[in-house]
Amino acid sequence: PVFVGVMQYSTRTVIEMIADGSCLAPEPGDIYIVNDPYLGGTHLMDVRFVMPVYRGGKIFCWLSNTGH
């Protein structure tokens, strides 16, 4: 449960970093990998995968997953 409970924070952080220009804007097929516990993670052994899903050439939604 802890993995799912914090996933929203790392996903939101990636989206915010893209919006403020501190991270490159995504292109179709891009996946962001995050393991910084201060960016919504739990500890360094956990990684978050964050990916935009496109529909009609625009971002439709974001998907996230966790690896341990």
PDB file of N, CA and C in Angstrom:
ATOM      1  N   PRO A   1       0.798  -1.213   0.000  1.00  0.00           N
ATOM      2  CA  PRO A   1       0.000   0.000   0.000  1.00  0.00           C
ATOM      3  C   PRO A   1       0.839   1.277   0.000  1.00  0.00           C
ATOM      4  N   VAL A   2       2.024   1.237   0.619  1.00  0.00           N
ATOM      5  CA  VAL A   2       2.834   2.454   0.684  1.00  0.00           C
ATOM      6  C   VAL A   2       3.272   2.890  -0.711  1.00  0.00           C
ATOM      7  N   PHE A   3       3.490   1.940  -1.613  1.00  0.00           N
ATOM      8  CA  PHE A   3       3.921   2.297  -2.962  1.00  0.00           C
ATOM      9  C   PHE A   3       2.830   3.059  -3.708  1.00  0.00           C
ATOM     10  N   VAL A   4       1.605   2.601  -3.578  1.00  0.00           N
ATOM     11  CA  VAL A   4       0.489   3.245  -4.264  1.00  0.00           C
ATOM     12  C   VAL A   4       0.157   4.587  -3.608  1.00  0.00           C
ATOM     13  N   GLY A   5       0.299   4.654  -2.312  1.00  0.00           N
ATOM     14  CA  GLY A   5      -0.057   5.863  -1.577  1.00  0.00           C
ATOM     15  C   GLY A   5       0.801   7.074  -1.893  1.00  0.00           C
ATOM     16  N   VAL A   6       2.037   6.844  -2.333  1.00  0.00           N
ATOM     17  CA  VAL A   6       2.925   7.976  -2.618  1.00  0.00           C
ATOM     18  C   VAL A   6       3.120   8.217  -4.110  1.00  0.00           C
ATOM     19  N   MET A   7       2.600   7.327  -4.928  1.00  0.00           N
ATOM     20  CA  MET A   7       2.815   7.435  -6.375  1.00  0.00           C
ATOM     21  C   MET A   7       2.260   8.742  -6.948  1.00  0.00           C
ATOM     22  N   GLN A   8       1.162   9.212  -6.411  1.00  0.00           N
ATOM     23  CA  GLN A   8       0.559  10.448  -6.916  1.00  0.00           C
ATOM     24  C   GLN A   8       1.495  11.640  -6.739  1.00  0.00           C
ATOM     25  N   TYR A   9       2.301  11.625  -5.687  1.00  0.00           N
ATOM     26  CA  TYR A   9       3.192  12.756  -5.432  1.00  0.00           C
ATOM     27  C   TYR A   9       4.349  12.803  -6.424  1.00  0.00           C
ATOM     28  N   SER A  10       4.931  11.656  -6.724  1.00  0.00           N
ATOM     29  CA  SER A  10       6.030  11.654  -7.697  1.00  0.00           C
ATOM     30  C   SER A  10       5.511  11.975  -9.092  1.00  0.00           C
ATOM     31  N   THR A  11       4.313  11.511  -9.423  1.00  0.00           N
ATOM     32  CA  THR A  11       3.722  11.824 -10.727  1.00  0.00           C
ATOM     33  C   THR A  11       3.462  13.324 -10.838  1.00  0.00           C
ATOM     34  N   ARG A  12       2.892  13.887  -9.808  1.00  0.00           N
ATOM     35  CA  ARG A  12       2.618  15.328  -9.809  1.00  0.00           C
ATOM     36  C   ARG A  12       3.916  16.131  -9.891  1.00  0.00           C
ATOM     37  N   THR A  13       4.951  15.679  -9.194  1.00  0.00           N
ATOM     38  CA  THR A  13       6.239  16.370  -9.227  1.00  0.00           C
ATOM     39  C   THR A  13       6.817  16.393 -10.631  1.00  0.00           C
ATOM     40  N   VAL A  14       6.742  15.275 -11.347  1.00  0.00           N
ATOM     41  CA  VAL A  14       7.238  15.230 -12.726  1.00  0.00           C
ATOM     42  C   VAL A  14       6.469  16.224 -13.591  1.00  0.00           C
ATOM     43  N   ILE A  15       5.152  16.238 -13.469  1.00  0.00           N
ATOM     44  CA  ILE A  15       4.324  17.159 -14.254  1.00  0.00           C
ATOM     45  C   ILE A  15       4.676  18.613 -13.924  1.00  0.00           C
ATOM     46  N   GLU A  16       4.873  18.920 -12.645  1.00  0.00           N
ATOM     47  CA  GLU A  16       5.232  20.283 -12.241  1.00  0.00           C
ATOM     48  C   GLU A  16       6.613  20.678 -12.755  1.00  0.00           C
ATOM     49  N   MET A  17       7.556  19.737 -12.743  1.00  0.00           N
ATOM     50  CA  MET A  17       8.903  20.030 -13.241  1.00  0.00           C
ATOM     51  C   MET A  17       8.887  20.295 -14.744  1.00  0.00           C
ATOM     52  N   ILE A  18       8.030  19.610 -15.466  1.00  0.00           N
ATOM     53  CA  ILE A  18       7.885  19.867 -16.900  1.00  0.00           C
ATOM     54  C   ILE A  18       7.286  21.257 -17.106  1.00  0.00           C
ATOM     55  N   ALA A  19       6.263  21.585 -16.319  1.00  0.00           N
ATOM     56  CA  ALA A  19       5.578  22.875 -16.461  1.00  0.00           C
ATOM     57  C   ALA A  19       6.498  24.054 -16.160  1.00  0.00           C
ATOM     58  N   ASP A  20       7.386  23.910 -15.173  1.00  0.00           N
ATOM     59  CA  ASP A  20       8.257  25.044 -14.833  1.00  0.00           C
ATOM     60  C   ASP A  20       9.574  25.051 -15.613  1.00  0.00           C
ATOM     61  N   GLY A  21       9.739  24.100 -16.512  1.00  0.00           N
ATOM     62  CA  GLY A  21      10.904  24.089 -17.387  1.00  0.00           C
ATOM     63  C   GLY A  21      12.148  23.444 -16.814  1.00  0.00           C
ATOM     64  N   SER A  22      12.065  22.885 -15.610  1.00  0.00           N
ATOM     65  CA  SER A  22      13.246  22.248 -15.022  1.00  0.00           C
ATOM     66  C   SER A  22      13.441  20.813 -15.510  1.00  0.00           C
ATOM     67  N   CYS A  23      12.535  20.362 -16.365  1.00  0.00           N
ATOM     68  CA  CYS A  23      12.606  19.024 -16.952  1.00  0.00           C
ATOM     69  C   CYS A  23      12.133  19.135 -18.400  1.00  0.00           C
ATOM     70  N   LEU A  24      12.730  18.370 -19.277  1.00  0.00           N
ATOM     71  CA  LEU A  24      12.339  18.432 -20.687  1.00  0.00           C
ATOM     72  C   LEU A  24      10.898  17.975 -20.891  1.00  0.00           C
ATOM     73  N   ALA A  25      10.210  18.606 -21.821  1.00  0.00           N
ATOM     74  CA  ALA A  25       8.841  18.216 -22.162  1.00  0.00           C
ATOM     75  C   ALA A  25       8.854  16.832 -22.809  1.00  0.00           C
ATOM     76  N   PRO A  26       7.837  16.030 -22.528  1.00  0.00           N
ATOM     77  CA  PRO A  26       7.818  14.669 -23.064  1.00  0.00           C
ATOM     78  C   PRO A  26       7.419  14.618 -24.530  1.00  0.00           C
ATOM     79  N   GLU A  27       7.855  13.555 -25.162  1.00  0.00           N
ATOM     80  CA  GLU A  27       7.422  13.212 -26.508  1.00  0.00           C
ATOM     81  C   GLU A  27       6.815  11.820 -26.431  1.00  0.00           C
ATOM     82  N   PRO A  28       5.980  11.449 -27.396  1.00  0.00           N
ATOM     83  CA  PRO A  28       5.379  10.110 -27.348  1.00  0.00           C
ATOM     84  C   PRO A  28       6.440   9.026 -27.171  1.00  0.00           C
ATOM     85  N   GLY A  29       6.204   8.147 -26.220  1.00  0.00           N
ATOM     86  CA  GLY A  29       7.122   7.052 -25.928  1.00  0.00           C
ATOM     87  C   GLY A  29       8.083   7.329 -24.786  1.00  0.00           C
ATOM     88  N   ASP A  30       8.149   8.586 -24.323  1.00  0.00           N
ATOM     89  CA  ASP A  30       9.049   8.923 -23.220  1.00  0.00           C
ATOM     90  C   ASP A  30       8.520   8.387 -21.896  1.00  0.00           C
ATOM     91  N   ILE A  31       9.448   7.968 -21.051  1.00  0.00           N
ATOM     92  CA  ILE A  31       9.128   7.529 -19.695  1.00  0.00           C
ATOM     93  C   ILE A  31      10.118   8.209 -18.756  1.00  0.00           C
ATOM     94  N   TYR A  32       9.617   8.828 -17.703  1.00  0.00           N
ATOM     95  CA  TYR A  32      10.462   9.445 -16.689  1.00  0.00           C
ATOM     96  C   TYR A  32      10.671   8.429 -15.572  1.00  0.00           C
ATOM     97  N   ILE A  33      11.908   8.341 -15.089  1.00  0.00           N
ATOM     98  CA  ILE A  33      12.239   7.432 -13.995  1.00  0.00           C
ATOM     99  C   ILE A  33      12.737   8.283 -12.835  1.00  0.00           C
ATOM    100  N   VAL A  34      12.096   8.130 -11.672  1.00  0.00           N
ATOM    101  CA  VAL A  34      12.399   8.953 -10.504  1.00  0.00           C
ATOM    102  C   VAL A  34      12.697   8.040  -9.320  1.00  0.00           C
ATOM    103  N   ASN A  35      13.786   8.310  -8.601  1.00  0.00           N
ATOM    104  CA  ASN A  35      14.037   7.566  -7.366  1.00  0.00           C
ATOM    105  C   ASN A  35      14.401   8.478  -6.198  1.00  0.00           C
ATOM    106  N   ASP A  36      14.200   9.765  -6.352  1.00  0.00           N
ATOM    107  CA  ASP A  36      14.505  10.713  -5.285  1.00  0.00           C
ATOM    108  C   ASP A  36      13.402  10.670  -4.227  1.00  0.00           C
ATOM    109  N   PRO A  37      13.722  10.253  -2.992  1.00  0.00           N
ATOM    110  CA  PRO A  37      12.680  10.170  -1.971  1.00  0.00           C
ATOM    111  C   PRO A  37      12.057  11.523  -1.635  1.00  0.00           C
ATOM    112  N   TYR A  38      12.764  12.616  -1.933  1.00  0.00           N
ATOM    113  CA  TYR A  38      12.214  13.945  -1.662  1.00  0.00           C
ATOM    114  C   TYR A  38      11.268  14.421  -2.761  1.00  0.00           C
ATOM    115  N   LEU A  39      11.165  13.667  -3.839  1.00  0.00           N
ATOM    116  CA  LEU A  39      10.249  14.016  -4.928  1.00  0.00           C
ATOM    117  C   LEU A  39       9.054  13.073  -4.963  1.00  0.00           C
ATOM    118  N   GLY A  40       8.690  12.544  -3.820  1.00  0.00           N
ATOM    119  CA  GLY A  40       7.513  11.697  -3.745  1.00  0.00           C
ATOM    120  C   GLY A  40       7.807  10.220  -3.691  1.00  0.00           C
ATOM    121  N   GLY A  41       9.043   9.861  -3.447  1.00  0.00           N
ATOM    122  CA  GLY A  41       9.387   8.448  -3.337  1.00  0.00           C
ATOM    123  C   GLY A  41       9.351   7.987  -1.894  1.00  0.00           C
ATOM    124  N   THR A  42       9.758   6.754  -1.675  1.00  0.00           N
ATOM    125  CA  THR A  42       9.804   6.228  -0.315  1.00  0.00           C
ATOM    126  C   THR A  42      11.245   6.061   0.145  1.00  0.00           C
ATOM    127  N   HIS A  43      12.088   5.444  -0.680  1.00  0.00           N
ATOM    128  CA  HIS A  43      13.522   5.374  -0.421  1.00  0.00           C
ATOM    129  C   HIS A  43      14.236   5.057  -1.728  1.00  0.00           C
ATOM    130  N   LEU A  44      15.563   5.109  -1.715  1.00  0.00           N
ATOM    131  CA  LEU A  44      16.331   5.025  -2.956  1.00  0.00           C
ATOM    132  C   LEU A  44      16.163   3.718  -3.715  1.00  0.00           C
ATOM    133  N   MET A  45      15.774   2.645  -3.046  1.00  0.00           N
ATOM    134  CA  MET A  45      15.609   1.364  -3.738  1.00  0.00           C
ATOM    135  C   MET A  45      14.326   1.308  -4.569  1.00  0.00           C
ATOM    136  N   ASP A  46      13.439   2.242  -4.372  1.00  0.00           N
ATOM    137  CA  ASP A  46      12.189   2.276  -5.133  1.00  0.00           C
ATOM    138  C   ASP A  46      12.318   3.277  -6.278  1.00  0.00           C
ATOM    139  N   VAL A  47      11.857   2.895  -7.443  1.00  0.00           N
ATOM    140  CA  VAL A  47      11.847   3.814  -8.578  1.00  0.00           C
ATOM    141  C   VAL A  47      10.419   3.974  -9.065  1.00  0.00           C
ATOM    142  N   ARG A  48      10.103   5.168  -9.515  1.00  0.00           N
ATOM    143  CA  ARG A  48       8.790   5.464 -10.084  1.00  0.00           C
ATOM    144  C   ARG A  48       8.963   5.660 -11.578  1.00  0.00           C
ATOM    145  N   PHE A  49       8.065   5.079 -12.322  1.00  0.00           N
ATOM    146  CA  PHE A  49       8.022   5.250 -13.769  1.00  0.00           C
ATOM    147  C   PHE A  49       6.792   6.086 -14.080  1.00  0.00           C
ATOM    148  N   VAL A  50       6.979   7.206 -14.737  1.00  0.00           N
ATOM    149  CA  VAL A  50       5.886   8.130 -15.039  1.00  0.00           C
ATOM    150  C   VAL A  50       5.873   8.353 -16.543  1.00  0.00           C
ATOM    151  N   MET A  51       4.703   8.155 -17.157  1.00  0.00           N
ATOM    152  CA  MET A  51       4.610   8.214 -18.615  1.00  0.00           C
ATOM    153  C   MET A  51       3.329   8.911 -19.058  1.00  0.00           C
ATOM    154  N   PRO A  52       3.445   9.849 -19.986  1.00  0.00           N
ATOM    155  CA  PRO A  52       2.235  10.459 -20.532  1.00  0.00           C
ATOM    156  C   PRO A  52       1.607   9.546 -21.584  1.00  0.00           C
ATOM    157  N   VAL A  53       0.299   9.565 -21.638  1.00  0.00           N
ATOM    158  CA  VAL A  53      -0.442   8.825 -22.667  1.00  0.00           C
ATOM    159  C   VAL A  53      -1.062   9.862 -23.595  1.00  0.00           C
ATOM    160  N   TYR A  54      -0.839   9.685 -24.873  1.00  0.00           N
ATOM    161  CA  TYR A  54      -1.312  10.653 -25.864  1.00  0.00           C
ATOM    162  C   TYR A  54      -2.582  10.162 -26.545  1.00  0.00           C
ATOM    163  N   ARG A  55      -3.437  11.116 -26.860  1.00  0.00           N
ATOM    164  CA  ARG A  55      -4.669  10.843 -27.608  1.00  0.00           C
ATOM    165  C   ARG A  55      -4.904  12.049 -28.507  1.00  0.00           C
ATOM    166  N   GLY A  56      -4.973  11.809 -29.788  1.00  0.00           N
ATOM    167  CA  GLY A  56      -5.156  12.912 -30.726  1.00  0.00           C
ATOM    168  C   GLY A  56      -3.987  13.881 -30.736  1.00  0.00           C
ATOM    169  N   GLY A  57      -2.781  13.393 -30.436  1.00  0.00           N
ATOM    170  CA  GLY A  57      -1.597  14.241 -30.451  1.00  0.00           C
ATOM    171  C   GLY A  57      -1.378  15.077 -29.202  1.00  0.00           C
ATOM    172  N   LYS A  58      -2.255  14.939 -28.204  1.00  0.00           N
ATOM    173  CA  LYS A  58      -2.134  15.700 -26.961  1.00  0.00           C
ATOM    174  C   LYS A  58      -2.092  14.738 -25.779  1.00  0.00           C
ATOM    175  N   ILE A  59      -1.494  15.203 -24.682  1.00  0.00           N
ATOM    176  CA  ILE A  59      -1.462  14.365 -23.483  1.00  0.00           C
ATOM    177  C   ILE A  59      -2.881  14.194 -22.970  1.00  0.00           C
ATOM    178  N   PHE A  60      -3.282  12.935 -22.837  1.00  0.00           N
ATOM    179  CA  PHE A  60      -4.622  12.581 -22.378  1.00  0.00           C
ATOM    180  C   PHE A  60      -4.614  12.309 -20.872  1.00  0.00           C
ATOM    181  N   CYS A  61      -3.596  11.573 -20.417  1.00  0.00           N
ATOM    182  CA  CYS A  61      -3.473  11.253 -19.000  1.00  0.00           C
ATOM    183  C   CYS A  61      -2.036  10.827 -18.718  1.00  0.00           C
ATOM    184  N   TRP A  62      -1.749  10.570 -17.461  1.00  0.00           N
ATOM    185  CA  TRP A  62      -0.432  10.108 -17.039  1.00  0.00           C
ATOM    186  C   TRP A  62      -0.579   8.754 -16.352  1.00  0.00           C
ATOM    187  N   LEU A  63       0.356   7.846 -16.631  1.00  0.00           N
ATOM    188  CA  LEU A  63       0.395   6.541 -15.978  1.00  0.00           C
ATOM    189  C   LEU A  63       1.651   6.463 -15.123  1.00  0.00           C
ATOM    190  N   SER A  64       1.543   5.770 -13.998  1.00  0.00           N
ATOM    191  CA  SER A  64       2.687   5.603 -13.102  1.00  0.00           C
ATOM    192  C   SER A  64       2.766   4.160 -12.645  1.00  0.00           C
ATOM    193  N   ASN A  65       3.982   3.742 -12.350  1.00  0.00           N
ATOM    194  CA  ASN A  65       4.212   2.410 -11.808  1.00  0.00           C
ATOM    195  C   ASN A  65       5.423   2.489 -10.893  1.00  0.00           C
ATOM    196  N   THR A  66       5.578   1.485 -10.054  1.00  0.00           N
ATOM    197  CA  THR A  66       6.684   1.447  -9.111  1.00  0.00           C
ATOM    198  C   THR A  66       7.476   0.169  -9.285  1.00  0.00           C
ATOM    199  N   GLY A  67       8.790   0.288  -9.218  1.00  0.00           N
ATOM    200  CA  GLY A  67       9.670  -0.875  -9.208  1.00  0.00           C
ATOM    201  C   GLY A  67      10.473  -0.866  -7.922  1.00  0.00           C
ATOM    202  N   HIS A  68      10.775  -2.071  -7.428  1.00  0.00           N
ATOM    203  CA  HIS A  68      11.512  -2.178  -6.165  1.00  0.00           C
ATOM    204  C   HIS A  68      12.678  -3.119  -6.352  1.00  0.00           C
TER     205      HIS A  68
END
